[in-house]
Amino acid sequence: MKENKHLSLDKIGNKIPFTVPDNYFDEFALQMESQTDVVAVPVKKLLKPWMYMAAMFIGILLLSNVAYTVYNGNINKNKENYEMYVYSQLDESVIFDYYLNDSNAK
């Protein structure tokens, strides 16, 4: 088993245990610049996600417009079918009376 060594500050003294290579801070910026290269990103690559998103929203708007048009068409058909059903249940005499009374009211 490894024995624990007790170190005291008196034994160590003012000695700094870490060292820095010569001219490290002077050359740090140059080394960092040489390691990081600036790469020009093409405009097409930047715009591609935005174009996909715009196409998606346009598609959603077009599909919702089609669904809305179909829904309104079904409502109008239902109204027409209801009116035709009501007219089919009436006798001719009731329709004549309705038109005669309606023209007298004016």
Protein backbone atom coordinates (compact mmCIF):
# COMPACT_ATOMS: atom_id res chain seq x y z
CA MET A 1 0.00 0.00 0.00
CA LYS A 2 1.26 3.46 -0.77
CA GLU A 3 2.25 5.57 2.16
CA ASN A 4 0.93 9.10 2.39
CA LYS A 5 3.70 11.64 2.44
CA HIS A 6 3.02 14.72 4.47
CA LEU A 7 4.39 17.81 2.84
CA SER A 8 4.71 21.03 4.66
CA LEU A 9 5.06 24.52 3.24
CA ASP A 10 8.38 24.84 5.02
CA LYS A 11 9.82 21.99 2.95
CA ILE A 12 8.46 23.33 -0.35
CA GLY A 13 9.36 26.95 0.23
CA ASN A 14 8.65 29.64 -2.39
CA LYS A 15 9.37 27.33 -5.29
CA ILE A 16 6.71 27.46 -8.06
CA PRO A 17 6.01 23.93 -9.30
CA PHE A 18 4.72 25.01 -12.73
CA THR A 19 6.78 26.38 -15.60
CA VAL A 20 5.79 28.08 -18.82
CA PRO A 21 7.77 27.68 -22.04
CA ASP A 22 9.86 30.66 -23.15
CA ASN A 23 7.95 33.34 -25.14
CA TYR A 24 4.68 31.45 -24.61
CA PHE A 25 2.51 34.51 -24.05
CA ASP A 26 4.23 36.47 -26.83
CA GLU A 27 3.65 33.77 -29.44
CA PHE A 28 0.25 32.59 -28.21
CA ALA A 29 -1.75 34.88 -30.50
CA LEU A 30 0.28 33.88 -33.55
CA GLN A 31 -0.10 30.19 -32.78
CA MET A 32 -3.84 30.60 -32.28
CA GLU A 33 -4.17 32.42 -35.61
CA SER A 34 -2.22 29.76 -37.45
CA GLN A 35 -4.40 26.99 -35.99
CA THR A 36 -7.73 28.66 -36.73
CA ASP A 37 -8.39 29.22 -40.40
CA VAL A 38 -11.27 31.42 -41.51
CA VAL A 39 -13.37 29.53 -44.03
CA ALA A 40 -15.76 31.41 -46.30
CA VAL A 41 -19.21 29.82 -46.20
CA PRO A 42 -21.12 30.01 -49.49
CA VAL A 43 -24.32 32.03 -49.47
CA LYS A 44 -26.23 29.06 -50.87
CA LYS A 45 -25.33 26.99 -47.82
CA LEU A 46 -26.49 29.77 -45.48
CA LEU A 47 -29.79 30.33 -47.28
CA LYS A 48 -30.71 26.67 -47.78
CA PRO A 49 -32.38 26.15 -44.34
CA TRP A 50 -34.31 29.41 -44.70
CA MET A 51 -35.53 28.41 -48.15
CA TYR A 52 -36.69 25.03 -46.80
CA MET A 53 -38.59 26.77 -44.00
CA ALA A 54 -40.20 29.24 -46.41
CA ALA A 55 -41.26 26.38 -48.70
CA MET A 56 -42.72 24.53 -45.74
CA PHE A 57 -44.83 27.52 -44.66
CA ILE A 58 -46.01 28.15 -48.23
CA GLY A 59 -47.02 24.49 -48.49
CA ILE A 60 -48.93 24.70 -45.22
CA LEU A 61 -50.74 27.84 -46.39
CA LEU A 62 -51.68 26.26 -49.73
CA LEU A 63 -52.94 23.07 -48.11
CA SER A 64 -54.97 25.02 -45.56
CA ASN A 65 -56.48 27.11 -48.37
CA VAL A 66 -57.50 23.94 -50.23
CA ALA A 67 -59.00 22.45 -47.07
CA TYR A 68 -60.91 25.68 -46.36
CA THR A 69 -62.28 25.79 -49.92
CA VAL A 70 -63.42 22.16 -49.75
CA TYR A 71 -65.02 22.76 -46.35
CA ASN A 72 -66.96 25.81 -47.62
CA GLY A 73 -68.03 23.87 -50.72
CA ASN A 74 -69.41 21.09 -48.53
CA ILE A 75 -71.32 23.60 -46.40
CA ASN A 76 -72.88 25.18 -49.49
CA LYS A 77 -73.84 21.75 -50.84
CA ASN A 78 -75.43 20.86 -47.52
CA LYS A 79 -77.46 24.09 -47.58
CA GLU A 80 -78.64 23.41 -51.15
CA ASN A 81 -79.53 19.83 -50.29
CA TYR A 82 -81.50 20.97 -47.25
CA GLU A 83 -83.43 23.55 -49.28
CA MET A 84 -84.22 20.97 -51.94
CA TYR A 85 -85.36 18.55 -49.23
CA VAL A 86 -87.65 21.17 -47.70
CA TYR A 87 -89.11 22.07 -51.12
CA SER A 88 -89.69 18.42 -51.89
CA GLN A 89 -91.78 18.08 -48.73
CA LEU A 90 -94.12 20.94 -49.64
CA ASP A 91 -97.22 20.72 -51.78
CA GLU A 92 -97.72 23.01 -54.73
CA SER A 93 -100.61 24.74 -52.98
CA VAL A 94 -98.37 25.72 -50.02
CA ILE A 95 -95.77 27.19 -52.39
CA PHE A 96 -98.43 29.16 -54.29
CA ASP A 97 -99.88 30.50 -51.05
CA TYR A 98 -96.40 31.52 -49.88
CA TYR A 99 -95.68 33.48 -53.06
CA LEU A 100 -99.13 35.10 -53.12
CA ASN A 101 -98.92 36.19 -49.47
CA ASP A 102 -95.33 37.38 -49.93
CA SER A 103 -96.30 39.56 -52.92
CA ASN A 104 -99.24 41.07 -50.93
CA ALA A 105 -96.94 41.99 -48.03
CA LYS A 106 -94.89 44.28 -50.26
